[in-house]
Every structure is written in structure tokens, then in C-alpha cells.
Amino acid sequence: MSIQPNPGATLWPAEWQGCRFTGTYIDFLGQPLAGTVTFTPSVPAVLAATSKRIAVGGPITVTLDDNGGIDVTLPATDDPQTQPVGWTYTVTEGVVSGRSYSLSAPMNTTVDLTSVVPVPTV
């Protein structure tokens, strides 16, 4: 299965694969949270090798939907058709008691943030 980060964009490199991020944020009463989740690439730019296009990275902010959820597909960090390979995203939760952590985005996968975010122990 191939997941492309932005297949509707006419200039988007066809060979570039993506990673889908999902997750739902609620409070202790089960109510959906309002806020954002920001994904910031650890590299300033990525080159699509075949199409010779440079994607300049910057923070990508996703607003939580009415249910407190996100569903966004971003460029994969391990795509062999790009240079460099092996970079990460810093994920910043713009919600009450939000955290910040780094994640990779494996190509052609879905990453549910609820299964990978660090949870403090007591």
C-alpha cells in the first residue's frame, strides 16, 4: 500500500511516500479537547531524488476536530527516495498539559499517537 502525503498537490513529488498520524484527545470527563498538534521536521529541507524537487520544511499545525481528533498524512522520514533519510518530527501538543516529543514517520504506515506518545509513570 502506498500512502502519499499530498496527492492533490500538482507539484508534489509522485515518488514521495507518507505516514498517516491519528489520535484523539479527551479530558478526564471524556469530553473532547480543543487545540492543535504541531509537527516540526528536524531538517530544514528534503530533496525528492527522482523528481528533483526540494520540499522546504516548517511546522505543520493540525487543529483538533470536534471530537478532539487528528488525522493527517505527512512525508515519511525513512523514504529512500528522499535525501536525507532518517530525520524525525518534533510533535508539540497544543492542549492543556500538552507535551513535546520526537517521532519518526515510517513510510506507508499509520501511527496512532495514543500508542507511541510517552506517558509519565507515578
PDB file of N, CA and C in Angstrom:
ATOM      1  N   MET A   1       0.841  -1.170   0.000  1.00  0.00           N
ATOM      2  CA  MET A   1       0.000   0.000   0.000  1.00  0.00           C
ATOM      3  C   MET A   1       0.890   1.238   0.000  1.00  0.00           C
ATOM      4  N   SER A   2       0.548   2.184  -0.808  1.00  0.00           N
ATOM      5  CA  SER A   2       1.292   3.434  -0.891  1.00  0.00           C
ATOM      6  C   SER A   2       0.458   4.565  -0.303  1.00  0.00           C
ATOM      7  N   ILE A   3       1.053   5.310   0.621  1.00  0.00           N
ATOM      8  CA  ILE A   3       0.381   6.467   1.219  1.00  0.00           C
ATOM      9  C   ILE A   3       1.146   7.706   0.794  1.00  0.00           C
ATOM     10  N   GLN A   4       0.524   8.566   0.006  1.00  0.00           N
ATOM     11  CA  GLN A   4       1.184   9.794  -0.396  1.00  0.00           C
ATOM     12  C   GLN A   4       0.741  10.934   0.503  1.00  0.00           C
ATOM     13  N   PRO A   5       1.698  11.801   0.901  1.00  0.00           N
ATOM     14  CA  PRO A   5       1.370  12.873   1.825  1.00  0.00           C
ATOM     15  C   PRO A   5       0.431  13.932   1.274  1.00  0.00           C
ATOM     16  N   ASN A   6       0.510  14.258   0.018  1.00  0.00           N
ATOM     17  CA  ASN A   6      -0.341  15.316  -0.514  1.00  0.00           C
ATOM     18  C   ASN A   6      -0.647  15.044  -1.982  1.00  0.00           C
ATOM     19  N   PRO A   7      -1.396  13.970  -2.267  1.00  0.00           N
ATOM     20  CA  PRO A   7      -1.595  13.575  -3.665  1.00  0.00           C
ATOM     21  C   PRO A   7      -2.359  14.593  -4.500  1.00  0.00           C
ATOM     22  N   GLY A   8      -3.075  15.515  -3.881  1.00  0.00           N
ATOM     23  CA  GLY A   8      -3.831  16.501  -4.631  1.00  0.00           C
ATOM     24  C   GLY A   8      -3.007  17.682  -5.114  1.00  0.00           C
ATOM     25  N   ALA A   9      -1.805  17.841  -4.584  1.00  0.00           N
ATOM     26  CA  ALA A   9      -0.961  18.967  -4.989  1.00  0.00           C
ATOM     27  C   ALA A   9      -0.256  18.629  -6.298  1.00  0.00           C
ATOM     28  N   THR A  10      -0.417  19.470  -7.301  1.00  0.00           N
ATOM     29  CA  THR A  10       0.127  19.171  -8.631  1.00  0.00           C
ATOM     30  C   THR A  10       1.650  19.080  -8.654  1.00  0.00           C
ATOM     31  N   LEU A  11       2.344  19.794  -7.802  1.00  0.00           N
ATOM     32  CA  LEU A  11       3.807  19.768  -7.811  1.00  0.00           C
ATOM     33  C   LEU A  11       4.406  18.772  -6.819  1.00  0.00           C
ATOM     34  N   TRP A  12       3.538  18.066  -6.072  1.00  0.00           N
ATOM     35  CA  TRP A  12       4.050  17.138  -5.069  1.00  0.00           C
ATOM     36  C   TRP A  12       4.763  15.985  -5.759  1.00  0.00           C
ATOM     37  N   PRO A  13       5.982  15.627  -5.305  1.00  0.00           N
ATOM     38  CA  PRO A  13       6.729  14.528  -5.928  1.00  0.00           C
ATOM     39  C   PRO A  13       5.961  13.204  -5.851  1.00  0.00           C
ATOM     40  N   ALA A  14       5.689  12.613  -6.996  1.00  0.00           N
ATOM     41  CA  ALA A  14       4.894  11.382  -7.063  1.00  0.00           C
ATOM     42  C   ALA A  14       5.553  10.225  -6.323  1.00  0.00           C
ATOM     43  N   GLU A  15       6.866  10.230  -6.256  1.00  0.00           N
ATOM     44  CA  GLU A  15       7.573   9.110  -5.625  1.00  0.00           C
ATOM     45  C   GLU A  15       7.638   9.215  -4.100  1.00  0.00           C
ATOM     46  N   TRP A  16       7.255  10.336  -3.544  1.00  0.00           N
ATOM     47  CA  TRP A  16       7.392  10.557  -2.110  1.00  0.00           C
ATOM     48  C   TRP A  16       6.283   9.866  -1.340  1.00  0.00           C
ATOM     49  N   GLN A  17       6.661   9.032  -0.381  1.00  0.00           N
ATOM     50  CA  GLN A  17       5.703   8.287   0.422  1.00  0.00           C
ATOM     51  C   GLN A  17       5.416   9.008   1.738  1.00  0.00           C
ATOM     52  N   GLY A  18       4.282   8.677   2.337  1.00  0.00           N
ATOM     53  CA  GLY A  18       3.862   9.360   3.547  1.00  0.00           C
ATOM     54  C   GLY A  18       3.634   8.425   4.720  1.00  0.00           C
ATOM     55  N   CYS A  19       3.295   9.039   5.835  1.00  0.00           N
ATOM     56  CA  CYS A  19       2.941   8.354   7.066  1.00  0.00           C
ATOM     57  C   CYS A  19       1.705   9.065   7.610  1.00  0.00           C
ATOM     58  N   ARG A  20       0.687   8.294   7.950  1.00  0.00           N
ATOM     59  CA  ARG A  20      -0.561   8.857   8.474  1.00  0.00           C
ATOM     60  C   ARG A  20      -0.501   8.870   9.997  1.00  0.00           C
ATOM     61  N   PHE A  21      -0.794  10.028  10.603  1.00  0.00           N
ATOM     62  CA  PHE A  21      -0.857  10.170  12.057  1.00  0.00           C
ATOM     63  C   PHE A  21      -2.306  10.367  12.478  1.00  0.00           C
ATOM     64  N   THR A  22      -2.744   9.614  13.497  1.00  0.00           N
ATOM     65  CA  THR A  22      -4.081   9.750  14.038  1.00  0.00           C
ATOM     66  C   THR A  22      -3.987   9.838  15.561  1.00  0.00           C
ATOM     67  N   GLY A  23      -5.051  10.263  16.190  1.00  0.00           N
ATOM     68  CA  GLY A  23      -5.103  10.313  17.649  1.00  0.00           C
ATOM     69  C   GLY A  23      -6.309  11.110  18.104  1.00  0.00           C
ATOM     70  N   THR A  24      -6.757  10.835  19.324  1.00  0.00           N
ATOM     71  CA  THR A  24      -7.891  11.548  19.900  1.00  0.00           C
ATOM     72  C   THR A  24      -7.535  12.005  21.304  1.00  0.00           C
ATOM     73  N   TYR A  25      -7.813  13.277  21.586  1.00  0.00           N
ATOM     74  CA  TYR A  25      -7.514  13.891  22.877  1.00  0.00           C
ATOM     75  C   TYR A  25      -8.817  14.196  23.606  1.00  0.00           C
ATOM     76  N   ILE A  26      -8.956  13.672  24.837  1.00  0.00           N
ATOM     77  CA  ILE A  26     -10.131  13.943  25.665  1.00  0.00           C
ATOM     78  C   ILE A  26      -9.659  14.335  27.066  1.00  0.00           C
ATOM     79  N   ASP A  27     -10.571  14.927  27.859  1.00  0.00           N
ATOM     80  CA  ASP A  27     -10.232  15.247  29.246  1.00  0.00           C
ATOM     81  C   ASP A  27     -10.688  14.110  30.159  1.00  0.00           C
ATOM     82  N   PHE A  28     -10.494  14.266  31.474  1.00  0.00           N
ATOM     83  CA  PHE A  28     -10.830  13.211  32.426  1.00  0.00           C
ATOM     84  C   PHE A  28     -12.334  12.961  32.545  1.00  0.00           C
ATOM     85  N   LEU A  29     -13.135  13.839  31.969  1.00  0.00           N
ATOM     86  CA  LEU A  29     -14.584  13.627  31.964  1.00  0.00           C
ATOM     87  C   LEU A  29     -15.059  13.003  30.651  1.00  0.00           C
ATOM     88  N   GLY A  30     -14.109  12.729  29.761  1.00  0.00           N
ATOM     89  CA  GLY A  30     -14.454  12.126  28.478  1.00  0.00           C
ATOM     90  C   GLY A  30     -14.869  13.114  27.417  1.00  0.00           C
ATOM     91  N   GLN A  31     -14.671  14.401  27.679  1.00  0.00           N
ATOM     92  CA  GLN A  31     -15.033  15.443  26.722  1.00  0.00           C
ATOM     93  C   GLN A  31     -13.871  15.685  25.755  1.00  0.00           C
ATOM     94  N   PRO A  32     -14.156  15.934  24.490  1.00  0.00           N
ATOM     95  CA  PRO A  32     -13.087  16.191  23.530  1.00  0.00           C
ATOM     96  C   PRO A  32     -12.360  17.495  23.849  1.00  0.00           C
ATOM     97  N   LEU A  33     -11.037  17.470  23.686  1.00  0.00           N
ATOM     98  CA  LEU A  33     -10.251  18.681  23.889  1.00  0.00           C
ATOM     99  C   LEU A  33     -10.236  19.517  22.619  1.00  0.00           C
ATOM    100  N   ALA A  34     -10.045  20.809  22.790  1.00  0.00           N
ATOM    101  CA  ALA A  34      -9.812  21.724  21.678  1.00  0.00           C
ATOM    102  C   ALA A  34      -8.327  22.055  21.694  1.00  0.00           C
ATOM    103  N   GLY A  35      -7.768  22.286  20.537  1.00  0.00           N
ATOM    104  CA  GLY A  35      -6.357  22.655  20.481  1.00  0.00           C
ATOM    105  C   GLY A  35      -5.742  22.234  19.165  1.00  0.00           C
ATOM    106  N   THR A  36      -4.426  22.058  19.189  1.00  0.00           N
ATOM    107  CA  THR A  36      -3.676  21.729  17.985  1.00  0.00           C
ATOM    108  C   THR A  36      -2.599  20.700  18.302  1.00  0.00           C
ATOM    109  N   VAL A  37      -2.087  20.099  17.253  1.00  0.00           N
ATOM    110  CA  VAL A  37      -0.887  19.281  17.333  1.00  0.00           C
ATOM    111  C   VAL A  37       0.022  19.787  16.216  1.00  0.00           C
ATOM    112  N   THR A  38       1.260  20.137  16.567  1.00  0.00           N
ATOM    113  CA  THR A  38       2.204  20.676  15.593  1.00  0.00           C
ATOM    114  C   THR A  38       3.327  19.686  15.358  1.00  0.00           C
ATOM    115  N   PHE A  39       3.629  19.426  14.096  1.00  0.00           N
ATOM    116  CA  PHE A  39       4.706  18.532  13.673  1.00  0.00           C
ATOM    117  C   PHE A  39       5.796  19.397  13.041  1.00  0.00           C
ATOM    118  N   THR A  40       6.993  19.412  13.644  1.00  0.00           N
ATOM    119  CA  THR A  40       8.096  20.224  13.129  1.00  0.00           C
ATOM    120  C   THR A  40       9.222  19.303  12.667  1.00  0.00           C
ATOM    121  N   PRO A  41       9.570  19.334  11.368  1.00  0.00           N
ATOM    122  CA  PRO A  41      10.639  18.483  10.873  1.00  0.00           C
ATOM    123  C   PRO A  41      11.982  18.853  11.501  1.00  0.00           C
ATOM    124  N   SER A  42      12.832  17.852  11.730  1.00  0.00           N
ATOM    125  CA  SER A  42      14.160  18.107  12.298  1.00  0.00           C
ATOM    126  C   SER A  42      15.160  18.572  11.242  1.00  0.00           C
ATOM    127  N   VAL A  43      14.744  18.571   9.983  1.00  0.00           N
ATOM    128  CA  VAL A  43      15.608  19.042   8.895  1.00  0.00           C
ATOM    129  C   VAL A  43      14.935  20.234   8.222  1.00  0.00           C
ATOM    130  N   PRO A  44      15.730  21.169   7.685  1.00  0.00           N
ATOM    131  CA  PRO A  44      15.124  22.345   7.055  1.00  0.00           C
ATOM    132  C   PRO A  44      14.533  22.077   5.683  1.00  0.00           C
ATOM    133  N   ALA A  45      15.008  21.033   4.993  1.00  0.00           N
ATOM    134  CA  ALA A  45      14.514  20.729   3.648  1.00  0.00           C
ATOM    135  C   ALA A  45      14.797  19.273   3.325  1.00  0.00           C
ATOM    136  N   VAL A  46      14.006  18.738   2.383  1.00  0.00           N
ATOM    137  CA  VAL A  46      14.176  17.362   1.926  1.00  0.00           C
ATOM    138  C   VAL A  46      14.117  17.373   0.403  1.00  0.00           C
ATOM    139  N   LEU A  47      15.031  16.646  -0.220  1.00  0.00           N
ATOM    140  CA  LEU A  47      15.088  16.556  -1.671  1.00  0.00           C
ATOM    141  C   LEU A  47      14.405  15.278  -2.132  1.00  0.00           C
ATOM    142  N   ALA A  48      13.471  15.403  -3.063  1.00  0.00           N
ATOM    143  CA  ALA A  48      12.857  14.242  -3.712  1.00  0.00           C
ATOM    144  C   ALA A  48      13.795  13.858  -4.849  1.00  0.00           C
ATOM    145  N   ALA A  49      14.451  12.702  -4.733  1.00  0.00           N
ATOM    146  CA  ALA A  49      15.548  12.317  -5.618  1.00  0.00           C
ATOM    147  C   ALA A  49      15.161  12.231  -7.091  1.00  0.00           C
ATOM    148  N   THR A  50      14.068  11.566  -7.412  1.00  0.00           N
ATOM    149  CA  THR A  50      13.708  11.350  -8.811  1.00  0.00           C
ATOM    150  C   THR A  50      13.196  12.618  -9.478  1.00  0.00           C
ATOM    151  N   SER A  51      12.265  13.297  -8.838  1.00  0.00           N
ATOM    152  CA  SER A  51      11.660  14.486  -9.459  1.00  0.00           C
ATOM    153  C   SER A  51      12.490  15.747  -9.253  1.00  0.00           C
ATOM    154  N   LYS A  52      13.532  15.647  -8.431  1.00  0.00           N
ATOM    155  CA  LYS A  52      14.445  16.783  -8.189  1.00  0.00           C
ATOM    156  C   LYS A  52      13.710  18.021  -7.689  1.00  0.00           C
ATOM    157  N   ARG A  53      12.822  17.800  -6.726  1.00  0.00           N
ATOM    158  CA  ARG A  53      12.111  18.915  -6.092  1.00  0.00           C
ATOM    159  C   ARG A  53      12.557  19.006  -4.644  1.00  0.00           C
ATOM    160  N   ILE A  54      12.685  20.236  -4.161  1.00  0.00           N
ATOM    161  CA  ILE A  54      13.089  20.476  -2.783  1.00  0.00           C
ATOM    162  C   ILE A  54      11.856  20.898  -1.990  1.00  0.00           C
ATOM    163  N   ALA A  55      11.542  20.134  -0.957  1.00  0.00           N
ATOM    164  CA  ALA A  55      10.443  20.493  -0.063  1.00  0.00           C
ATOM    165  C   ALA A  55      11.067  21.156   1.160  1.00  0.00           C
ATOM    166  N   VAL A  56      10.741  22.411   1.363  1.00  0.00           N
ATOM    167  CA  VAL A  56      11.268  23.163   2.497  1.00  0.00           C
ATOM    168  C   VAL A  56      10.317  22.958   3.664  1.00  0.00           C
ATOM    169  N   GLY A  57      10.864  22.441   4.761  1.00  0.00           N
ATOM    170  CA  GLY A  57      10.040  22.083   5.907  1.00  0.00           C
ATOM    171  C   GLY A  57       9.862  23.215   6.896  1.00  0.00           C
ATOM    172  N   GLY A  58       8.744  23.210   7.524  1.00  0.00           N
ATOM    173  CA  GLY A  58       8.432  24.132   8.598  1.00  0.00           C
ATOM    174  C   GLY A  58       7.370  23.484   9.443  1.00  0.00           C
ATOM    175  N   PRO A  59       6.987  24.095  10.530  1.00  0.00           N
ATOM    176  CA  PRO A  59       5.955  23.498  11.381  1.00  0.00           C
ATOM    177  C   PRO A  59       4.643  23.302  10.628  1.00  0.00           C
ATOM    178  N   ILE A  60       4.030  22.141  10.850  1.00  0.00           N
ATOM    179  CA  ILE A  60       2.730  21.815  10.271  1.00  0.00           C
ATOM    180  C   ILE A  60       1.769  21.670  11.443  1.00  0.00           C
ATOM    181  N   THR A  61       0.825  22.587  11.546  1.00  0.00           N
ATOM    182  CA  THR A  61      -0.105  22.590  12.677  1.00  0.00           C
ATOM    183  C   THR A  61      -1.457  22.060  12.241  1.00  0.00           C
ATOM    184  N   VAL A  62      -1.955  21.065  12.997  1.00  0.00           N
ATOM    185  CA  VAL A  62      -3.237  20.430  12.716  1.00  0.00           C
ATOM    186  C   VAL A  62      -4.182  20.764  13.870  1.00  0.00           C
ATOM    187  N   THR A  63      -5.347  21.294  13.552  1.00  0.00           N
ATOM    188  CA  THR A  63      -6.351  21.624  14.563  1.00  0.00           C
ATOM    189  C   THR A  63      -7.173  20.385  14.893  1.00  0.00           C
ATOM    190  N   LEU A  64      -7.387  20.144  16.192  1.00  0.00           N
ATOM    191  CA  LEU A  64      -8.217  19.019  16.609  1.00  0.00           C
ATOM    192  C   LEU A  64      -9.640  19.224  16.105  1.00  0.00           C
ATOM    193  N   ASP A  65     -10.265  18.145  15.649  1.00  0.00           N
ATOM    194  CA  ASP A  65     -11.642  18.251  15.168  1.00  0.00           C
ATOM    195  C   ASP A  65     -12.618  18.299  16.345  1.00  0.00           C
ATOM    196  N   ASP A  66     -13.912  18.303  16.070  1.00  0.00           N
ATOM    197  CA  ASP A  66     -14.937  18.424  17.113  1.00  0.00           C
ATOM    198  C   ASP A  66     -14.913  17.277  18.121  1.00  0.00           C
ATOM    199  N   ASN A  67     -14.301  16.163  17.751  1.00  0.00           N
ATOM    200  CA  ASN A  67     -14.179  15.011  18.646  1.00  0.00           C
ATOM    201  C   ASN A  67     -12.821  14.950  19.336  1.00  0.00           C
ATOM    202  N   GLY A  68     -11.994  15.994  19.154  1.00  0.00           N
ATOM    203  CA  GLY A  68     -10.660  16.017  19.758  1.00  0.00           C
ATOM    204  C   GLY A  68      -9.635  15.217  18.982  1.00  0.00           C
ATOM    205  N   GLY A  69      -9.936  14.912  17.730  1.00  0.00           N
ATOM    206  CA  GLY A  69      -9.069  14.037  16.952  1.00  0.00           C
ATOM    207  C   GLY A  69      -8.264  14.741  15.878  1.00  0.00           C
ATOM    208  N   ILE A  70      -7.207  14.043  15.448  1.00  0.00           N
ATOM    209  CA  ILE A  70      -6.435  14.464  14.281  1.00  0.00           C
ATOM    210  C   ILE A  70      -6.314  13.276  13.342  1.00  0.00           C
ATOM    211  N   ASP A  71      -6.143  13.586  12.073  1.00  0.00           N
ATOM    212  CA  ASP A  71      -5.890  12.591  11.039  1.00  0.00           C
ATOM    213  C   ASP A  71      -5.167  13.335   9.931  1.00  0.00           C
ATOM    214  N   VAL A  72      -3.847  13.146   9.862  1.00  0.00           N
ATOM    215  CA  VAL A  72      -3.045  13.888   8.901  1.00  0.00           C
ATOM    216  C   VAL A  72      -1.978  12.962   8.326  1.00  0.00           C
ATOM    217  N   THR A  73      -1.699  13.125   7.047  1.00  0.00           N
ATOM    218  CA  THR A  73      -0.643  12.361   6.401  1.00  0.00           C
ATOM    219  C   THR A  73       0.497  13.314   6.074  1.00  0.00           C
ATOM    220  N   LEU A  74       1.694  12.954   6.553  1.00  0.00           N
ATOM    221  CA  LEU A  74       2.888  13.786   6.385  1.00  0.00           C
ATOM    222  C   LEU A  74       3.961  13.010   5.635  1.00  0.00           C
ATOM    223  N   PRO A  75       4.950  13.707   5.082  1.00  0.00           N
ATOM    224  CA  PRO A  75       6.041  12.995   4.424  1.00  0.00           C
ATOM    225  C   PRO A  75       6.742  12.021   5.382  1.00  0.00           C
ATOM    226  N   ALA A  76       7.039  10.839   4.875  1.00  0.00           N
ATOM    227  CA  ALA A  76       7.733   9.831   5.665  1.00  0.00           C
ATOM    228  C   ALA A  76       9.176  10.260   5.919  1.00  0.00           C
ATOM    229  N   THR A  77       9.693   9.859   7.057  1.00  0.00           N
ATOM    230  CA  THR A  77      11.066  10.230   7.434  1.00  0.00           C
ATOM    231  C   THR A  77      12.092   9.181   7.019  1.00  0.00           C
ATOM    232  N   ASP A  78      11.626   8.034   6.525  1.00  0.00           N
ATOM    233  CA  ASP A  78      12.546   6.964   6.136  1.00  0.00           C
ATOM    234  C   ASP A  78      12.424   6.578   4.665  1.00  0.00           C
ATOM    235  N   ASP A  79      11.875   7.452   3.848  1.00  0.00           N
ATOM    236  CA  ASP A  79      11.666   7.168   2.429  1.00  0.00           C
ATOM    237  C   ASP A  79      13.008   7.172   1.699  1.00  0.00           C
ATOM    238  N   PRO A  80      13.417   6.051   1.095  1.00  0.00           N
ATOM    239  CA  PRO A  80      14.713   6.000   0.410  1.00  0.00           C
ATOM    240  C   PRO A  80      14.767   6.862  -0.855  1.00  0.00           C
ATOM    241  N   GLN A  81      13.611   7.359  -1.316  1.00  0.00           N
ATOM    242  CA  GLN A  81      13.576   8.235  -2.487  1.00  0.00           C
ATOM    243  C   GLN A  81      13.827   9.699  -2.124  1.00  0.00           C
ATOM    244  N   THR A  82      14.122   9.970  -0.855  1.00  0.00           N
ATOM    245  CA  THR A  82      14.387  11.340  -0.415  1.00  0.00           C
ATOM    246  C   THR A  82      15.758  11.432   0.237  1.00  0.00           C
ATOM    247  N   GLN A  83      16.248  12.642   0.282  1.00  0.00           N
ATOM    248  CA  GLN A  83      17.512  12.927   0.968  1.00  0.00           C
ATOM    249  C   GLN A  83      17.304  14.136   1.850  1.00  0.00           C
ATOM    250  N   PRO A  84      17.668  14.123   3.109  1.00  0.00           N
ATOM    251  CA  PRO A  84      18.233  12.983   3.843  1.00  0.00           C
ATOM    252  C   PRO A  84      17.153  11.971   4.213  1.00  0.00           C
ATOM    253  N   VAL A  85      17.604  10.855   4.760  1.00  0.00           N
ATOM    254  CA  VAL A  85      16.720   9.807   5.265  1.00  0.00           C
ATOM    255  C   VAL A  85      17.005   9.684   6.761  1.00  0.00           C
ATOM    256  N   GLY A  86      15.995   9.381   7.539  1.00  0.00           N
ATOM    257  CA  GLY A  86      16.215   9.128   8.961  1.00  0.00           C
ATOM    258  C   GLY A  86      16.012  10.325   9.872  1.00  0.00           C
ATOM    259  N   TRP A  87      15.356  11.354   9.392  1.00  0.00           N
ATOM    260  CA  TRP A  87      15.075  12.506  10.244  1.00  0.00           C
ATOM    261  C   TRP A  87      13.810  12.232  11.057  1.00  0.00           C
ATOM    262  N   THR A  88      13.399  13.180  11.888  1.00  0.00           N
ATOM    263  CA  THR A  88      12.244  12.992  12.767  1.00  0.00           C
ATOM    264  C   THR A  88      11.358  14.234  12.757  1.00  0.00           C
ATOM    265  N   TYR A  89      10.208  14.108  13.387  1.00  0.00           N
ATOM    266  CA  TYR A  89       9.325  15.244  13.663  1.00  0.00           C
ATOM    267  C   TYR A  89       9.321  15.475  15.163  1.00  0.00           C
ATOM    268  N   THR A  90       9.348  16.750  15.575  1.00  0.00           N
ATOM    269  CA  THR A  90       9.051  17.094  16.960  1.00  0.00           C
ATOM    270  C   THR A  90       7.558  17.361  17.003  1.00  0.00           C
ATOM    271  N   VAL A  91       6.874  16.612  17.852  1.00  0.00           N
ATOM    272  CA  VAL A  91       5.423  16.733  17.989  1.00  0.00           C
ATOM    273  C   VAL A  91       5.150  17.573  19.228  1.00  0.00           C
ATOM    274  N   THR A  92       4.406  18.661  19.054  1.00  0.00           N
ATOM    275  CA  THR A  92       4.063  19.546  20.157  1.00  0.00           C
ATOM    276  C   THR A  92       2.546  19.595  20.285  1.00  0.00           C
ATOM    277  N   GLU A  93       2.062  19.153  21.442  1.00  0.00           N
ATOM    278  CA  GLU A  93       0.622  19.133  21.687  1.00  0.00           C
ATOM    279  C   GLU A  93       0.178  20.488  22.231  1.00  0.00           C
ATOM    280  N   GLY A  94      -0.667  21.171  21.481  1.00  0.00           N
ATOM    281  CA  GLY A  94      -1.205  22.463  21.899  1.00  0.00           C
ATOM    282  C   GLY A  94      -2.531  22.281  22.611  1.00  0.00           C
ATOM    283  N   VAL A  95      -2.504  21.506  23.689  1.00  0.00           N
ATOM    284  CA  VAL A  95      -3.689  21.239  24.506  1.00  0.00           C
ATOM    285  C   VAL A  95      -3.295  21.437  25.972  1.00  0.00           C
ATOM    286  N   VAL A  96      -4.275  21.423  26.864  1.00  0.00           N
ATOM    287  CA  VAL A  96      -3.995  21.524  28.300  1.00  0.00           C
ATOM    288  C   VAL A  96      -3.010  20.424  28.682  1.00  0.00           C
ATOM    289  N   SER A  97      -1.960  20.782  29.405  1.00  0.00           N
ATOM    290  CA  SER A  97      -0.915  19.840  29.827  1.00  0.00           C
ATOM    291  C   SER A  97      -0.239  19.158  28.649  1.00  0.00           C
ATOM    292  N   GLY A  98      -0.169  19.842  27.507  1.00  0.00           N
ATOM    293  CA  GLY A  98       0.445  19.281  26.310  1.00  0.00           C
ATOM    294  C   GLY A  98       1.920  18.977  26.497  1.00  0.00           C
ATOM    295  N   ARG A  99       2.393  18.030  25.734  1.00  0.00           N
ATOM    296  CA  ARG A  99       3.785  17.589  25.800  1.00  0.00           C
ATOM    297  C   ARG A  99       4.472  17.835  24.479  1.00  0.00           C
ATOM    298  N   SER A 100       5.775  17.583  24.463  1.00  0.00           N
ATOM    299  CA  SER A 100       6.566  17.668  23.247  1.00  0.00           C
ATOM    300  C   SER A 100       7.498  16.468  23.216  1.00  0.00           C
ATOM    301  N   TYR A 101       7.587  15.812  22.056  1.00  0.00           N
ATOM    302  CA  TYR A 101       8.412  14.614  21.921  1.00  0.00           C
ATOM    303  C   TYR A 101       8.764  14.435  20.445  1.00  0.00           C
ATOM    304  N   SER A 102       9.740  13.602  20.171  1.00  0.00           N
ATOM    305  CA  SER A 102      10.164  13.337  18.794  1.00  0.00           C
ATOM    306  C   SER A 102       9.666  11.975  18.338  1.00  0.00           C
ATOM    307  N   LEU A 103       9.272  11.915  17.059  1.00  0.00           N
ATOM    308  CA  LEU A 103       8.808  10.672  16.457  1.00  0.00           C
ATOM    309  C   LEU A 103       9.337  10.549  15.041  1.00  0.00           C
ATOM    310  N   SER A 104       9.584   9.326  14.632  1.00  0.00           N
ATOM    311  CA  SER A 104       9.835   9.081  13.218  1.00  0.00           C
ATOM    312  C   SER A 104       8.490   8.820  12.548  1.00  0.00           C
ATOM    313  N   ALA A 105       8.477   8.894  11.230  1.00  0.00           N
ATOM    314  CA  ALA A 105       7.256   8.684  10.456  1.00  0.00           C
ATOM    315  C   ALA A 105       7.547   7.625   9.401  1.00  0.00           C
ATOM    316  N   PRO A 106       7.395   6.341   9.762  1.00  0.00           N
ATOM    317  CA  PRO A 106       7.705   5.264   8.820  1.00  0.00           C
ATOM    318  C   PRO A 106       6.782   5.298   7.604  1.00  0.00           C
ATOM    319  N   MET A 107       7.368   5.136   6.428  1.00  0.00           N
ATOM    320  CA  MET A 107       6.571   5.256   5.206  1.00  0.00           C
ATOM    321  C   MET A 107       5.521   4.159   5.103  1.00  0.00           C
ATOM    322  N   ASN A 108       4.380   4.581   4.554  1.00  0.00           N
ATOM    323  CA  ASN A 108       3.245   3.706   4.264  1.00  0.00           C
ATOM    324  C   ASN A 108       2.679   3.011   5.499  1.00  0.00           C
ATOM    325  N   THR A 109       2.687   3.735   6.629  1.00  0.00           N
ATOM    326  CA  THR A 109       2.103   3.200   7.851  1.00  0.00           C
ATOM    327  C   THR A 109       1.156   4.241   8.446  1.00  0.00           C
ATOM    328  N   THR A 110       0.354   3.787   9.396  1.00  0.00           N
ATOM    329  CA  THR A 110      -0.457   4.688  10.202  1.00  0.00           C
ATOM    330  C   THR A 110       0.062   4.616  11.624  1.00  0.00           C
ATOM    331  N   VAL A 111       0.372   5.773  12.195  1.00  0.00           N
ATOM    332  CA  VAL A 111       0.852   5.855  13.572  1.00  0.00           C
ATOM    333  C   VAL A 111      -0.245   6.486  14.415  1.00  0.00           C
ATOM    334  N   ASP A 112      -0.786   5.708  15.354  1.00  0.00           N
ATOM    335  CA  ASP A 112      -1.767   6.220  16.295  1.00  0.00           C
ATOM    336  C   ASP A 112      -0.985   6.817  17.463  1.00  0.00           C
ATOM    337  N   LEU A 113      -1.093   8.118  17.655  1.00  0.00           N
ATOM    338  CA  LEU A 113      -0.316   8.784  18.709  1.00  0.00           C
ATOM    339  C   LEU A 113      -0.578   8.176  20.081  1.00  0.00           C
ATOM    340  N   THR A 114      -1.778   7.620  20.289  1.00  0.00           N
ATOM    341  CA  THR A 114      -2.069   7.036  21.592  1.00  0.00           C
ATOM    342  C   THR A 114      -1.208   5.809  21.880  1.00  0.00           C
ATOM    343  N   SER A 115      -0.626   5.218  20.862  1.00  0.00           N
ATOM    344  CA  SER A 115       0.201   4.025  21.081  1.00  0.00           C
ATOM    345  C   SER A 115       1.696   4.322  21.138  1.00  0.00           C
ATOM    346  N   VAL A 116       2.094   5.569  20.851  1.00  0.00           N
ATOM    347  CA  VAL A 116       3.524   5.869  20.812  1.00  0.00           C
ATOM    348  C   VAL A 116       3.972   7.039  21.691  1.00  0.00           C
ATOM    349  N   VAL A 117       3.051   7.856  22.184  1.00  0.00           N
ATOM    350  CA  VAL A 117       3.462   9.017  22.969  1.00  0.00           C
ATOM    351  C   VAL A 117       3.975   8.580  24.331  1.00  0.00           C
ATOM    352  N   PRO A 118       4.973   9.272  24.853  1.00  0.00           N
ATOM    353  CA  PRO A 118       5.476   8.928  26.185  1.00  0.00           C
ATOM    354  C   PRO A 118       4.466   9.290  27.272  1.00  0.00           C
ATOM    355  N   VAL A 119       4.238   8.373  28.177  1.00  0.00           N
ATOM    356  CA  VAL A 119       3.307   8.599  29.279  1.00  0.00           C
ATOM    357  C   VAL A 119       4.114   8.503  30.575  1.00  0.00           C
ATOM    358  N   PRO A 120       4.085   9.563  31.411  1.00  0.00           N
ATOM    359  CA  PRO A 120       4.872   9.529  32.649  1.00  0.00           C
ATOM    360  C   PRO A 120       4.347   8.481  33.615  1.00  0.00           C
ATOM    361  N   THR A 121       5.268   7.908  34.381  1.00  0.00           N
ATOM    362  CA  THR A 121       4.876   6.961  35.417  1.00  0.00           C
ATOM    363  C   THR A 121       4.858   7.661  36.758  1.00  0.00           C
ATOM    364  N   VAL A 122       4.123   7.094  37.689  1.00  0.00           N
ATOM    365  CA  VAL A 122       3.995   7.713  39.010  1.00  0.00           C
ATOM    366  C   VAL A 122       4.944   7.070  39.995  1.00  0.00           C
TER     367      VAL A 122
END
